[in-house]
Amino acid sequence: MVFLKVDMSWNVLISPSELSPKGLLLRKAVIVSLLEEIANRKASKDHGYYIAVSELKAISEGKVRELTGDVLFPVTFTCITQKPTKGEILVGSVDKILKHGVFLKSGPIESIFLSEKTLSDYKYIGGENPMFMNDHSKLEDTAVRFKVMGFRWMEADRQFQILATLAGDYLGPL
């Protein structure tokens, strides 16, 4: 998956109990709050999945909220993100096998679908431990190299859904 280095600006809310005349404590509070917000937001359509804050560039002057006393600080920072792209080759692990296809997970992406139509030389084998099988390999609890055919952003889930294929050289179970 493509890693991106993105310059971002967010507003971080700090409670009065976390403020101190010492600047390092403010910087620490801003970083902790920023990390919590990134974990909660998970991803965005434009940037992909938020992986890590790599640099805190600036903390602008804070504005006090009258009712709560909390202080809102505009911050600029650099963030490492990961965004799927059509045609790229990824590795995922089998999450669920159904008659109509296989669901995979890869890194932060939890919804990758391999349709049984793209598994042309594989046959579905039902039962207690379902699998897809061909003459050379099985798709069950295994790692799989796949190609991204397309994807879409799901705002409600704050994640991407990917449609994948095993059609091509060097793709399939590892």
N, C-alpha and C. Protein backbone atom coordinates (compact mmCIF):
# COMPACT_ATOMS: atom_id res chain seq x y z
N MET A 1 0.84 -1.16 0.00
CA MET A 1 0.00 0.00 0.00
C MET A 1 0.89 1.24 0.00
N VAL A 2 0.43 2.27 -0.62
CA VAL A 2 1.21 3.50 -0.74
C VAL A 2 1.19 4.25 0.59
N PHE A 3 2.37 4.61 1.06
CA PHE A 3 2.48 5.45 2.25
C PHE A 3 2.64 6.89 1.80
N LEU A 4 1.93 7.79 2.43
CA LEU A 4 1.99 9.20 2.10
C LEU A 4 2.44 10.00 3.33
N LYS A 5 3.14 11.07 3.09
CA LYS A 5 3.52 12.00 4.14
C LYS A 5 2.69 13.26 3.90
N VAL A 6 1.75 13.55 4.78
CA VAL A 6 0.78 14.61 4.57
C VAL A 6 0.92 15.69 5.63
N ASP A 7 0.97 16.96 5.18
CA ASP A 7 0.93 18.09 6.12
C ASP A 7 -0.52 18.38 6.43
N MET A 8 -0.84 18.45 7.72
CA MET A 8 -2.23 18.62 8.13
C MET A 8 -2.36 19.73 9.17
N SER A 9 -3.57 20.25 9.29
CA SER A 9 -3.91 21.24 10.32
C SER A 9 -5.19 20.79 11.00
N TRP A 10 -5.14 20.74 12.33
CA TRP A 10 -6.32 20.39 13.13
C TRP A 10 -6.39 21.32 14.31
N ASN A 11 -7.54 21.35 14.94
CA ASN A 11 -7.72 22.06 16.20
C ASN A 11 -7.73 21.04 17.31
N VAL A 12 -6.92 21.27 18.33
CA VAL A 12 -6.82 20.35 19.46
C VAL A 12 -7.36 21.05 20.70
N LEU A 13 -8.25 20.37 21.42
CA LEU A 13 -8.87 20.92 22.62
C LEU A 13 -8.16 20.37 23.85
N ILE A 14 -7.65 21.28 24.69
CA ILE A 14 -6.92 20.89 25.91
C ILE A 14 -7.69 21.41 27.12
N SER A 15 -7.89 20.54 28.12
CA SER A 15 -8.61 20.97 29.33
C SER A 15 -7.68 21.80 30.21
N PRO A 16 -8.25 22.69 31.04
CA PRO A 16 -7.42 23.56 31.89
C PRO A 16 -6.50 22.78 32.84
N SER A 17 -6.92 21.58 33.25
CA SER A 17 -6.10 20.78 34.16
C SER A 17 -4.78 20.33 33.52
N GLU A 18 -4.72 20.31 32.20
CA GLU A 18 -3.52 19.88 31.49
C GLU A 18 -2.59 21.04 31.16
N LEU A 19 -3.01 22.26 31.46
CA LEU A 19 -2.20 23.43 31.15
C LEU A 19 -1.26 23.74 32.29
N SER A 20 -0.09 24.25 31.95
CA SER A 20 0.93 24.57 32.93
C SER A 20 1.78 25.70 32.36
N PRO A 21 2.41 26.47 33.25
CA PRO A 21 3.29 27.53 32.74
C PRO A 21 4.49 26.97 31.95
N LYS A 22 4.78 25.69 32.13
CA LYS A 22 5.92 25.09 31.44
C LYS A 22 5.47 24.62 30.05
N GLY A 23 6.11 25.11 29.03
CA GLY A 23 5.74 24.83 27.64
C GLY A 23 5.79 23.36 27.27
N LEU A 24 6.70 22.59 27.88
CA LEU A 24 6.83 21.18 27.51
C LEU A 24 5.58 20.39 27.87
N LEU A 25 4.93 20.75 28.98
CA LEU A 25 3.71 20.04 29.36
C LEU A 25 2.59 20.34 28.38
N LEU A 26 2.53 21.57 27.87
CA LEU A 26 1.54 21.91 26.86
C LEU A 26 1.80 21.11 25.59
N ARG A 27 3.05 21.05 25.18
CA ARG A 27 3.41 20.30 23.97
C ARG A 27 3.03 18.82 24.13
N LYS A 28 3.29 18.26 25.30
CA LYS A 28 2.95 16.87 25.58
C LYS A 28 1.44 16.67 25.52
N ALA A 29 0.68 17.59 26.13
CA ALA A 29 -0.78 17.49 26.13
C ALA A 29 -1.33 17.57 24.71
N VAL A 30 -0.76 18.45 23.88
CA VAL A 30 -1.20 18.59 22.50
C VAL A 30 -0.91 17.30 21.73
N ILE A 31 0.27 16.74 21.90
CA ILE A 31 0.64 15.51 21.19
C ILE A 31 -0.26 14.35 21.60
N VAL A 32 -0.50 14.20 22.90
CA VAL A 32 -1.36 13.10 23.39
C VAL A 32 -2.77 13.26 22.83
N SER A 33 -3.30 14.48 22.86
CA SER A 33 -4.64 14.74 22.34
C SER A 33 -4.71 14.48 20.83
N LEU A 34 -3.68 14.90 20.12
CA LEU A 34 -3.62 14.70 18.67
C LEU A 34 -3.60 13.21 18.33
N LEU A 35 -2.81 12.43 19.06
CA LEU A 35 -2.75 10.98 18.83
C LEU A 35 -4.10 10.32 19.10
N GLU A 36 -4.79 10.77 20.15
CA GLU A 36 -6.11 10.21 20.46
C GLU A 36 -7.11 10.53 19.35
N GLU A 37 -7.06 11.76 18.83
CA GLU A 37 -7.97 12.16 17.75
C GLU A 37 -7.71 11.35 16.48
N ILE A 38 -6.45 11.13 16.17
CA ILE A 38 -6.11 10.35 14.97
C ILE A 38 -6.60 8.92 15.12
N ALA A 39 -6.45 8.35 16.30
CA ALA A 39 -6.93 6.98 16.53
C ALA A 39 -8.45 6.92 16.39
N ASN A 40 -9.15 7.94 16.86
CA ASN A 40 -10.61 7.95 16.78
C ASN A 40 -11.11 8.20 15.37
N ARG A 41 -10.43 9.04 14.61
CA ARG A 41 -10.87 9.35 13.23
C ARG A 41 -10.55 8.21 12.28
N LYS A 42 -9.52 7.45 12.54
CA LYS A 42 -9.14 6.25 11.79
C LYS A 42 -8.67 6.54 10.37
N ALA A 43 -9.50 7.23 9.56
CA ALA A 43 -9.15 7.44 8.15
C ALA A 43 -9.99 8.58 7.58
N SER A 44 -9.60 9.03 6.40
CA SER A 44 -10.40 10.00 5.66
C SER A 44 -10.35 9.64 4.18
N LYS A 45 -11.34 10.09 3.44
CA LYS A 45 -11.42 9.80 2.02
C LYS A 45 -10.22 10.36 1.27
N ASP A 46 -9.76 11.56 1.64
CA ASP A 46 -8.66 12.21 0.94
C ASP A 46 -7.29 11.68 1.31
N HIS A 47 -7.08 11.37 2.59
CA HIS A 47 -5.74 10.99 3.06
C HIS A 47 -5.53 9.50 3.23
N GLY A 48 -6.60 8.72 3.36
CA GLY A 48 -6.46 7.30 3.64
C GLY A 48 -6.43 7.05 5.14
N TYR A 49 -5.78 5.98 5.55
CA TYR A 49 -5.71 5.59 6.97
C TYR A 49 -4.58 6.35 7.66
N TYR A 50 -4.89 6.91 8.82
CA TYR A 50 -3.87 7.62 9.61
C TYR A 50 -3.02 6.58 10.33
N ILE A 51 -1.73 6.62 10.08
CA ILE A 51 -0.82 5.64 10.66
C ILE A 51 -0.06 6.24 11.85
N ALA A 52 0.56 7.40 11.67
CA ALA A 52 1.37 7.99 12.74
C ALA A 52 1.57 9.48 12.50
N VAL A 53 1.71 10.21 13.61
CA VAL A 53 2.14 11.61 13.54
C VAL A 53 3.65 11.59 13.54
N SER A 54 4.27 12.14 12.51
CA SER A 54 5.73 12.08 12.43
C SER A 54 6.40 13.37 12.90
N GLU A 55 5.69 14.50 12.85
CA GLU A 55 6.30 15.76 13.27
C GLU A 55 5.22 16.75 13.67
N LEU A 56 5.39 17.36 14.83
CA LEU A 56 4.52 18.46 15.25
C LEU A 56 5.22 19.74 14.83
N LYS A 57 4.67 20.43 13.85
CA LYS A 57 5.34 21.59 13.26
C LYS A 57 5.08 22.87 14.04
N ALA A 58 3.84 23.13 14.43
CA ALA A 58 3.53 24.39 15.11
C ALA A 58 2.27 24.26 15.95
N ILE A 59 2.29 24.95 17.09
CA ILE A 59 1.12 25.10 17.94
C ILE A 59 0.81 26.59 17.96
N SER A 60 -0.32 26.97 17.38
CA SER A 60 -0.69 28.39 17.33
C SER A 60 -1.32 28.81 18.66
N GLU A 61 -1.54 30.11 18.79
CA GLU A 61 -2.10 30.66 20.01
C GLU A 61 -3.48 30.07 20.29
N GLY A 62 -3.68 29.67 21.54
CA GLY A 62 -4.93 29.04 21.93
C GLY A 62 -6.04 30.05 22.18
N LYS A 63 -7.28 29.57 22.03
CA LYS A 63 -8.46 30.39 22.32
C LYS A 63 -9.25 29.70 23.41
N VAL A 64 -9.55 30.42 24.49
CA VAL A 64 -10.26 29.86 25.62
C VAL A 64 -11.75 29.80 25.32
N ARG A 65 -12.34 28.67 25.61
CA ARG A 65 -13.79 28.51 25.49
C ARG A 65 -14.41 28.97 26.80
N GLU A 66 -15.31 29.90 26.71
CA GLU A 66 -15.84 30.57 27.91
C GLU A 66 -16.56 29.63 28.87
N LEU A 67 -17.41 28.76 28.40
CA LEU A 67 -18.21 27.93 29.29
C LEU A 67 -17.41 26.86 30.01
N THR A 68 -16.43 26.26 29.32
CA THR A 68 -15.70 25.13 29.90
C THR A 68 -14.30 25.49 30.40
N GLY A 69 -13.72 26.54 29.87
CA GLY A 69 -12.34 26.88 30.20
C GLY A 69 -11.33 26.10 29.38
N ASP A 70 -11.81 25.18 28.55
CA ASP A 70 -10.91 24.44 27.66
C ASP A 70 -10.27 25.41 26.68
N VAL A 71 -9.08 25.04 26.21
CA VAL A 71 -8.37 25.90 25.26
C VAL A 71 -8.24 25.16 23.93
N LEU A 72 -8.62 25.84 22.85
CA LEU A 72 -8.55 25.29 21.51
C LEU A 72 -7.28 25.79 20.83
N PHE A 73 -6.36 24.86 20.51
CA PHE A 73 -5.10 25.20 19.87
C PHE A 73 -5.10 24.72 18.42
N PRO A 74 -4.95 25.63 17.45
CA PRO A 74 -4.72 25.18 16.08
C PRO A 74 -3.29 24.64 15.97
N VAL A 75 -3.15 23.43 15.42
CA VAL A 75 -1.83 22.83 15.28
C VAL A 75 -1.60 22.41 13.83
N THR A 76 -0.35 22.45 13.41
CA THR A 76 0.04 21.89 12.12
C THR A 76 1.04 20.78 12.38
N PHE A 77 0.92 19.71 11.61
CA PHE A 77 1.76 18.55 11.84
C PHE A 77 1.89 17.75 10.56
N THR A 78 2.82 16.82 10.56
CA THR A 78 3.00 15.90 9.45
C THR A 78 2.52 14.53 9.91
N CYS A 79 1.75 13.88 9.06
CA CYS A 79 1.18 12.58 9.40
C CYS A 79 1.51 11.58 8.29
N ILE A 80 1.84 10.37 8.69
CA ILE A 80 2.04 9.27 7.74
C ILE A 80 0.68 8.61 7.56
N THR A 81 0.26 8.48 6.30
CA THR A 81 -1.02 7.84 5.99
C THR A 81 -0.81 6.73 4.98
N GLN A 82 -1.83 5.91 4.84
CA GLN A 82 -1.79 4.78 3.92
C GLN A 82 -3.10 4.78 3.14
N LYS A 83 -3.02 4.84 1.82
CA LYS A 83 -4.23 4.89 1.00
C LYS A 83 -4.14 3.86 -0.12
N PRO A 84 -5.23 3.09 -0.30
CA PRO A 84 -5.20 2.09 -1.38
C PRO A 84 -5.25 2.77 -2.75
N THR A 85 -4.65 2.13 -3.74
CA THR A 85 -4.72 2.61 -5.11
C THR A 85 -5.05 1.44 -6.04
N LYS A 86 -5.80 1.74 -7.07
CA LYS A 86 -6.21 0.73 -8.02
C LYS A 86 -4.98 0.15 -8.72
N GLY A 87 -4.93 -1.16 -8.84
CA GLY A 87 -3.85 -1.84 -9.54
C GLY A 87 -2.69 -2.26 -8.67
N GLU A 88 -2.64 -1.80 -7.42
CA GLU A 88 -1.49 -2.19 -6.59
C GLU A 88 -1.66 -3.59 -6.05
N ILE A 89 -0.53 -4.21 -5.75
CA ILE A 89 -0.48 -5.57 -5.22
C ILE A 89 -0.27 -5.47 -3.70
N LEU A 90 -1.14 -6.15 -2.94
CA LEU A 90 -1.06 -6.15 -1.48
C LEU A 90 -1.08 -7.58 -0.96
N VAL A 91 -0.74 -7.72 0.31
CA VAL A 91 -0.83 -9.02 0.98
C VAL A 91 -1.84 -8.88 2.11
N GLY A 92 -2.75 -9.84 2.18
CA GLY A 92 -3.75 -9.84 3.24
C GLY A 92 -3.91 -11.22 3.81
N SER A 93 -4.71 -11.31 4.86
CA SER A 93 -4.97 -12.62 5.46
C SER A 93 -6.46 -12.92 5.32
N VAL A 94 -6.77 -14.19 5.13
CA VAL A 94 -8.16 -14.62 4.98
C VAL A 94 -8.88 -14.39 6.31
N ASP A 95 -10.02 -13.70 6.22
CA ASP A 95 -10.80 -13.39 7.42
C ASP A 95 -12.06 -14.26 7.47
N LYS A 96 -12.74 -14.38 6.33
CA LYS A 96 -14.00 -15.13 6.29
C LYS A 96 -14.19 -15.72 4.89
N ILE A 97 -14.69 -16.95 4.86
CA ILE A 97 -14.96 -17.60 3.57
C ILE A 97 -16.45 -17.88 3.47
N LEU A 98 -17.03 -17.38 2.39
CA LEU A 98 -18.44 -17.61 2.09
C LEU A 98 -18.55 -18.23 0.70
N LYS A 99 -19.71 -18.75 0.37
CA LYS A 99 -19.88 -19.39 -0.93
C LYS A 99 -19.65 -18.42 -2.08
N HIS A 100 -20.00 -17.15 -1.90
CA HIS A 100 -19.87 -16.17 -2.98
C HIS A 100 -18.52 -15.44 -3.00
N GLY A 101 -17.62 -15.79 -2.07
CA GLY A 101 -16.30 -15.18 -2.09
C GLY A 101 -15.57 -15.20 -0.76
N VAL A 102 -14.44 -14.50 -0.73
CA VAL A 102 -13.56 -14.50 0.44
C VAL A 102 -13.35 -13.07 0.90
N PHE A 103 -13.44 -12.85 2.21
CA PHE A 103 -13.10 -11.56 2.80
C PHE A 103 -11.70 -11.62 3.37
N LEU A 104 -10.91 -10.59 3.07
CA LEU A 104 -9.53 -10.49 3.55
C LEU A 104 -9.37 -9.25 4.41
N LYS A 105 -8.29 -9.24 5.18
CA LYS A 105 -7.85 -8.06 5.92
C LYS A 105 -6.40 -7.80 5.54
N SER A 106 -6.04 -6.52 5.44
CA SER A 106 -4.66 -6.15 5.11
C SER A 106 -4.33 -4.85 5.82
N GLY A 107 -3.43 -4.91 6.81
CA GLY A 107 -3.08 -3.72 7.56
C GLY A 107 -4.34 -3.13 8.19
N PRO A 108 -4.56 -1.82 8.00
CA PRO A 108 -5.74 -1.21 8.60
C PRO A 108 -7.04 -1.48 7.84
N ILE A 109 -6.96 -2.08 6.65
CA ILE A 109 -8.15 -2.31 5.84
C ILE A 109 -8.81 -3.62 6.27
N GLU A 110 -10.07 -3.51 6.68
CA GLU A 110 -10.78 -4.67 7.21
C GLU A 110 -11.82 -5.23 6.26
N SER A 111 -12.00 -4.62 5.10
CA SER A 111 -13.07 -5.05 4.20
C SER A 111 -12.54 -5.17 2.76
N ILE A 112 -11.94 -6.32 2.48
CA ILE A 112 -11.42 -6.62 1.14
C ILE A 112 -12.17 -7.86 0.66
N PHE A 113 -12.76 -7.77 -0.52
CA PHE A 113 -13.57 -8.87 -1.02
C PHE A 113 -13.01 -9.45 -2.31
N LEU A 114 -12.83 -10.77 -2.31
CA LEU A 114 -12.45 -11.55 -3.50
C LEU A 114 -13.69 -12.31 -3.93
N SER A 115 -14.31 -11.91 -5.01
CA SER A 115 -15.52 -12.58 -5.49
C SER A 115 -15.17 -13.97 -6.04
N GLU A 116 -16.08 -14.91 -5.85
CA GLU A 116 -15.86 -16.24 -6.40
C GLU A 116 -15.73 -16.18 -7.92
N LYS A 117 -16.26 -15.13 -8.54
CA LYS A 117 -16.13 -14.97 -10.00
C LYS A 117 -14.69 -14.66 -10.42
N THR A 118 -13.91 -14.04 -9.51
CA THR A 118 -12.51 -13.76 -9.82
C THR A 118 -11.60 -14.91 -9.41
N LEU A 119 -12.18 -15.92 -8.78
CA LEU A 119 -11.42 -17.11 -8.37
C LEU A 119 -11.73 -18.24 -9.35
N SER A 120 -11.55 -17.99 -10.63
CA SER A 120 -12.02 -18.88 -11.70
C SER A 120 -11.53 -20.32 -11.59
N ASP A 121 -10.29 -20.53 -11.20
CA ASP A 121 -9.80 -21.91 -11.13
C ASP A 121 -9.95 -22.51 -9.73
N TYR A 122 -10.59 -21.80 -8.81
CA TYR A 122 -10.85 -22.32 -7.47
C TYR A 122 -12.29 -22.81 -7.36
N LYS A 123 -12.48 -23.84 -6.57
CA LYS A 123 -13.83 -24.35 -6.30
C LYS A 123 -14.13 -24.20 -4.82
N TYR A 124 -15.37 -23.84 -4.53
CA TYR A 124 -15.80 -23.71 -3.13
C TYR A 124 -16.04 -25.08 -2.54
N ILE A 125 -15.46 -25.31 -1.37
CA ILE A 125 -15.68 -26.55 -0.62
C ILE A 125 -16.34 -26.14 0.69
N GLY A 126 -17.62 -26.49 0.87
CA GLY A 126 -18.37 -26.12 2.07
C GLY A 126 -18.03 -27.02 3.25
N GLY A 127 -18.78 -26.85 4.31
CA GLY A 127 -18.59 -27.68 5.49
C GLY A 127 -18.26 -26.84 6.70
N GLU A 128 -17.77 -27.52 7.73
CA GLU A 128 -17.44 -26.83 8.99
C GLU A 128 -16.32 -25.82 8.81
N ASN A 129 -15.33 -26.15 8.01
CA ASN A 129 -14.23 -25.25 7.68
C ASN A 129 -14.22 -25.01 6.17
N PRO A 130 -15.07 -24.09 5.69
CA PRO A 130 -15.15 -23.87 4.24
C PRO A 130 -13.84 -23.32 3.68
N MET A 131 -13.62 -23.60 2.38
CA MET A 131 -12.41 -23.12 1.71
C MET A 131 -12.66 -23.04 0.22
N PHE A 132 -11.76 -22.38 -0.48
CA PHE A 132 -11.69 -22.44 -1.93
C PHE A 132 -10.42 -23.20 -2.25
N MET A 133 -10.50 -24.11 -3.23
CA MET A 133 -9.36 -24.96 -3.52
C MET A 133 -9.21 -25.14 -5.03
N ASN A 134 -7.94 -25.19 -5.48
CA ASN A 134 -7.66 -25.57 -6.87
C ASN A 134 -6.63 -26.69 -6.85
N ASP A 135 -6.04 -27.01 -7.99
CA ASP A 135 -5.10 -28.12 -8.08
C ASP A 135 -3.81 -27.87 -7.30
N HIS A 136 -3.48 -26.58 -7.05
CA HIS A 136 -2.19 -26.24 -6.46
C HIS A 136 -2.25 -25.71 -5.04
N SER A 137 -3.38 -25.13 -4.63
CA SER A 137 -3.41 -24.48 -3.32
C SER A 137 -4.82 -24.37 -2.76
N LYS A 138 -4.88 -23.98 -1.49
CA LYS A 138 -6.14 -23.77 -0.79
C LYS A 138 -6.20 -22.33 -0.29
N LEU A 139 -7.39 -21.77 -0.31
CA LEU A 139 -7.64 -20.48 0.32
C LEU A 139 -8.42 -20.77 1.59
N GLU A 140 -7.73 -20.73 2.71
CA GLU A 140 -8.38 -20.88 4.01
C GLU A 140 -7.68 -19.94 4.96
N ASP A 141 -7.22 -20.36 6.11
CA ASP A 141 -6.51 -19.47 7.04
C ASP A 141 -5.08 -19.27 6.55
N THR A 142 -4.91 -18.36 5.59
CA THR A 142 -3.61 -18.19 4.97
C THR A 142 -3.40 -16.74 4.54
N ALA A 143 -2.17 -16.40 4.24
CA ALA A 143 -1.86 -15.09 3.66
C ALA A 143 -2.04 -15.18 2.15
N VAL A 144 -2.52 -14.09 1.54
CA VAL A 144 -2.84 -14.08 0.12
C VAL A 144 -2.30 -12.80 -0.51
N ARG A 145 -1.63 -12.95 -1.65
CA ARG A 145 -1.21 -11.78 -2.42
C ARG A 145 -2.30 -11.49 -3.44
N PHE A 146 -2.83 -10.25 -3.45
CA PHE A 146 -3.94 -9.91 -4.31
C PHE A 146 -3.73 -8.54 -4.97
N LYS A 147 -4.53 -8.29 -6.00
CA LYS A 147 -4.47 -7.03 -6.73
C LYS A 147 -5.75 -6.24 -6.49
N VAL A 148 -5.62 -4.94 -6.22
CA VAL A 148 -6.77 -4.07 -5.99
C VAL A 148 -7.41 -3.75 -7.34
N MET A 149 -8.67 -4.14 -7.52
CA MET A 149 -9.42 -3.84 -8.75
C MET A 149 -10.13 -2.50 -8.63
N GLY A 150 -10.55 -2.17 -7.43
CA GLY A 150 -11.27 -0.92 -7.19
C GLY A 150 -11.54 -0.77 -5.71
N PHE A 151 -11.95 0.43 -5.33
CA PHE A 151 -12.28 0.67 -3.93
C PHE A 151 -13.26 1.82 -3.82
N ARG A 152 -13.93 1.89 -2.67
CA ARG A 152 -14.82 3.01 -2.40
C ARG A 152 -14.74 3.37 -0.92
N TRP A 153 -14.97 4.63 -0.65
CA TRP A 153 -14.94 5.18 0.71
C TRP A 153 -16.32 5.03 1.33
N MET A 154 -16.37 4.50 2.54
CA MET A 154 -17.62 4.34 3.28
C MET A 154 -17.59 5.33 4.45
N GLU A 155 -18.26 6.45 4.27
CA GLU A 155 -18.22 7.53 5.29
C GLU A 155 -18.74 7.05 6.64
N ALA A 156 -19.83 6.29 6.66
CA ALA A 156 -20.42 5.85 7.92
C ALA A 156 -19.44 5.01 8.74
N ASP A 157 -18.64 4.18 8.07
CA ASP A 157 -17.68 3.31 8.76
C ASP A 157 -16.29 3.93 8.87
N ARG A 158 -16.07 5.04 8.15
CA ARG A 158 -14.77 5.70 8.09
C ARG A 158 -13.69 4.71 7.65
N GLN A 159 -13.99 3.99 6.56
CA GLN A 159 -13.03 3.05 6.01
C GLN A 159 -13.27 2.83 4.52
N PHE A 160 -12.30 2.22 3.87
CA PHE A 160 -12.41 1.87 2.47
C PHE A 160 -12.86 0.42 2.34
N GLN A 161 -13.66 0.16 1.32
CA GLN A 161 -13.98 -1.21 0.93
C GLN A 161 -13.24 -1.47 -0.37
N ILE A 162 -12.61 -2.63 -0.46
CA ILE A 162 -11.80 -2.96 -1.64
C ILE A 162 -12.34 -4.19 -2.33
N LEU A 163 -12.39 -4.12 -3.67
CA LEU A 163 -12.69 -5.27 -4.49
C LEU A 163 -11.37 -5.75 -5.07
N ALA A 164 -11.06 -7.03 -4.88
CA ALA A 164 -9.75 -7.55 -5.26
C ALA A 164 -9.87 -8.73 -6.21
N THR A 165 -8.74 -9.11 -6.78
CA THR A 165 -8.67 -10.27 -7.66
C THR A 165 -7.35 -11.02 -7.43
N LEU A 166 -7.37 -12.29 -7.81
CA LEU A 166 -6.14 -13.09 -7.81
C LEU A 166 -5.65 -13.32 -9.23
N ALA A 167 -6.36 -12.73 -10.22
CA ALA A 167 -5.98 -12.90 -11.63
C ALA A 167 -4.67 -12.16 -11.90
N GLY A 168 -3.66 -12.89 -12.32
CA GLY A 168 -2.37 -12.29 -12.63
C GLY A 168 -1.23 -13.15 -12.12
N ASP A 169 -0.03 -12.82 -12.54
CA ASP A 169 1.16 -13.57 -12.13
C ASP A 169 1.49 -13.32 -10.67
N TYR A 170 1.94 -14.33 -9.98
CA TYR A 170 2.45 -14.27 -8.62
C TYR A 170 1.39 -13.88 -7.59
N LEU A 171 0.11 -14.00 -7.92
CA LEU A 171 -0.95 -13.70 -6.97
C LEU A 171 -1.52 -15.00 -6.42
N GLY A 172 -2.06 -14.94 -5.21
CA GLY A 172 -2.66 -16.11 -4.58
C GLY A 172 -2.05 -16.38 -3.22
N PRO A 173 -2.30 -17.56 -2.67
CA PRO A 173 -1.78 -17.91 -1.34
C PRO A 173 -0.26 -17.88 -1.29
N LEU A 174 0.27 -17.43 -0.17
CA LEU A 174 1.74 -17.38 0.00
C LEU A 174 2.25 -18.64 0.66
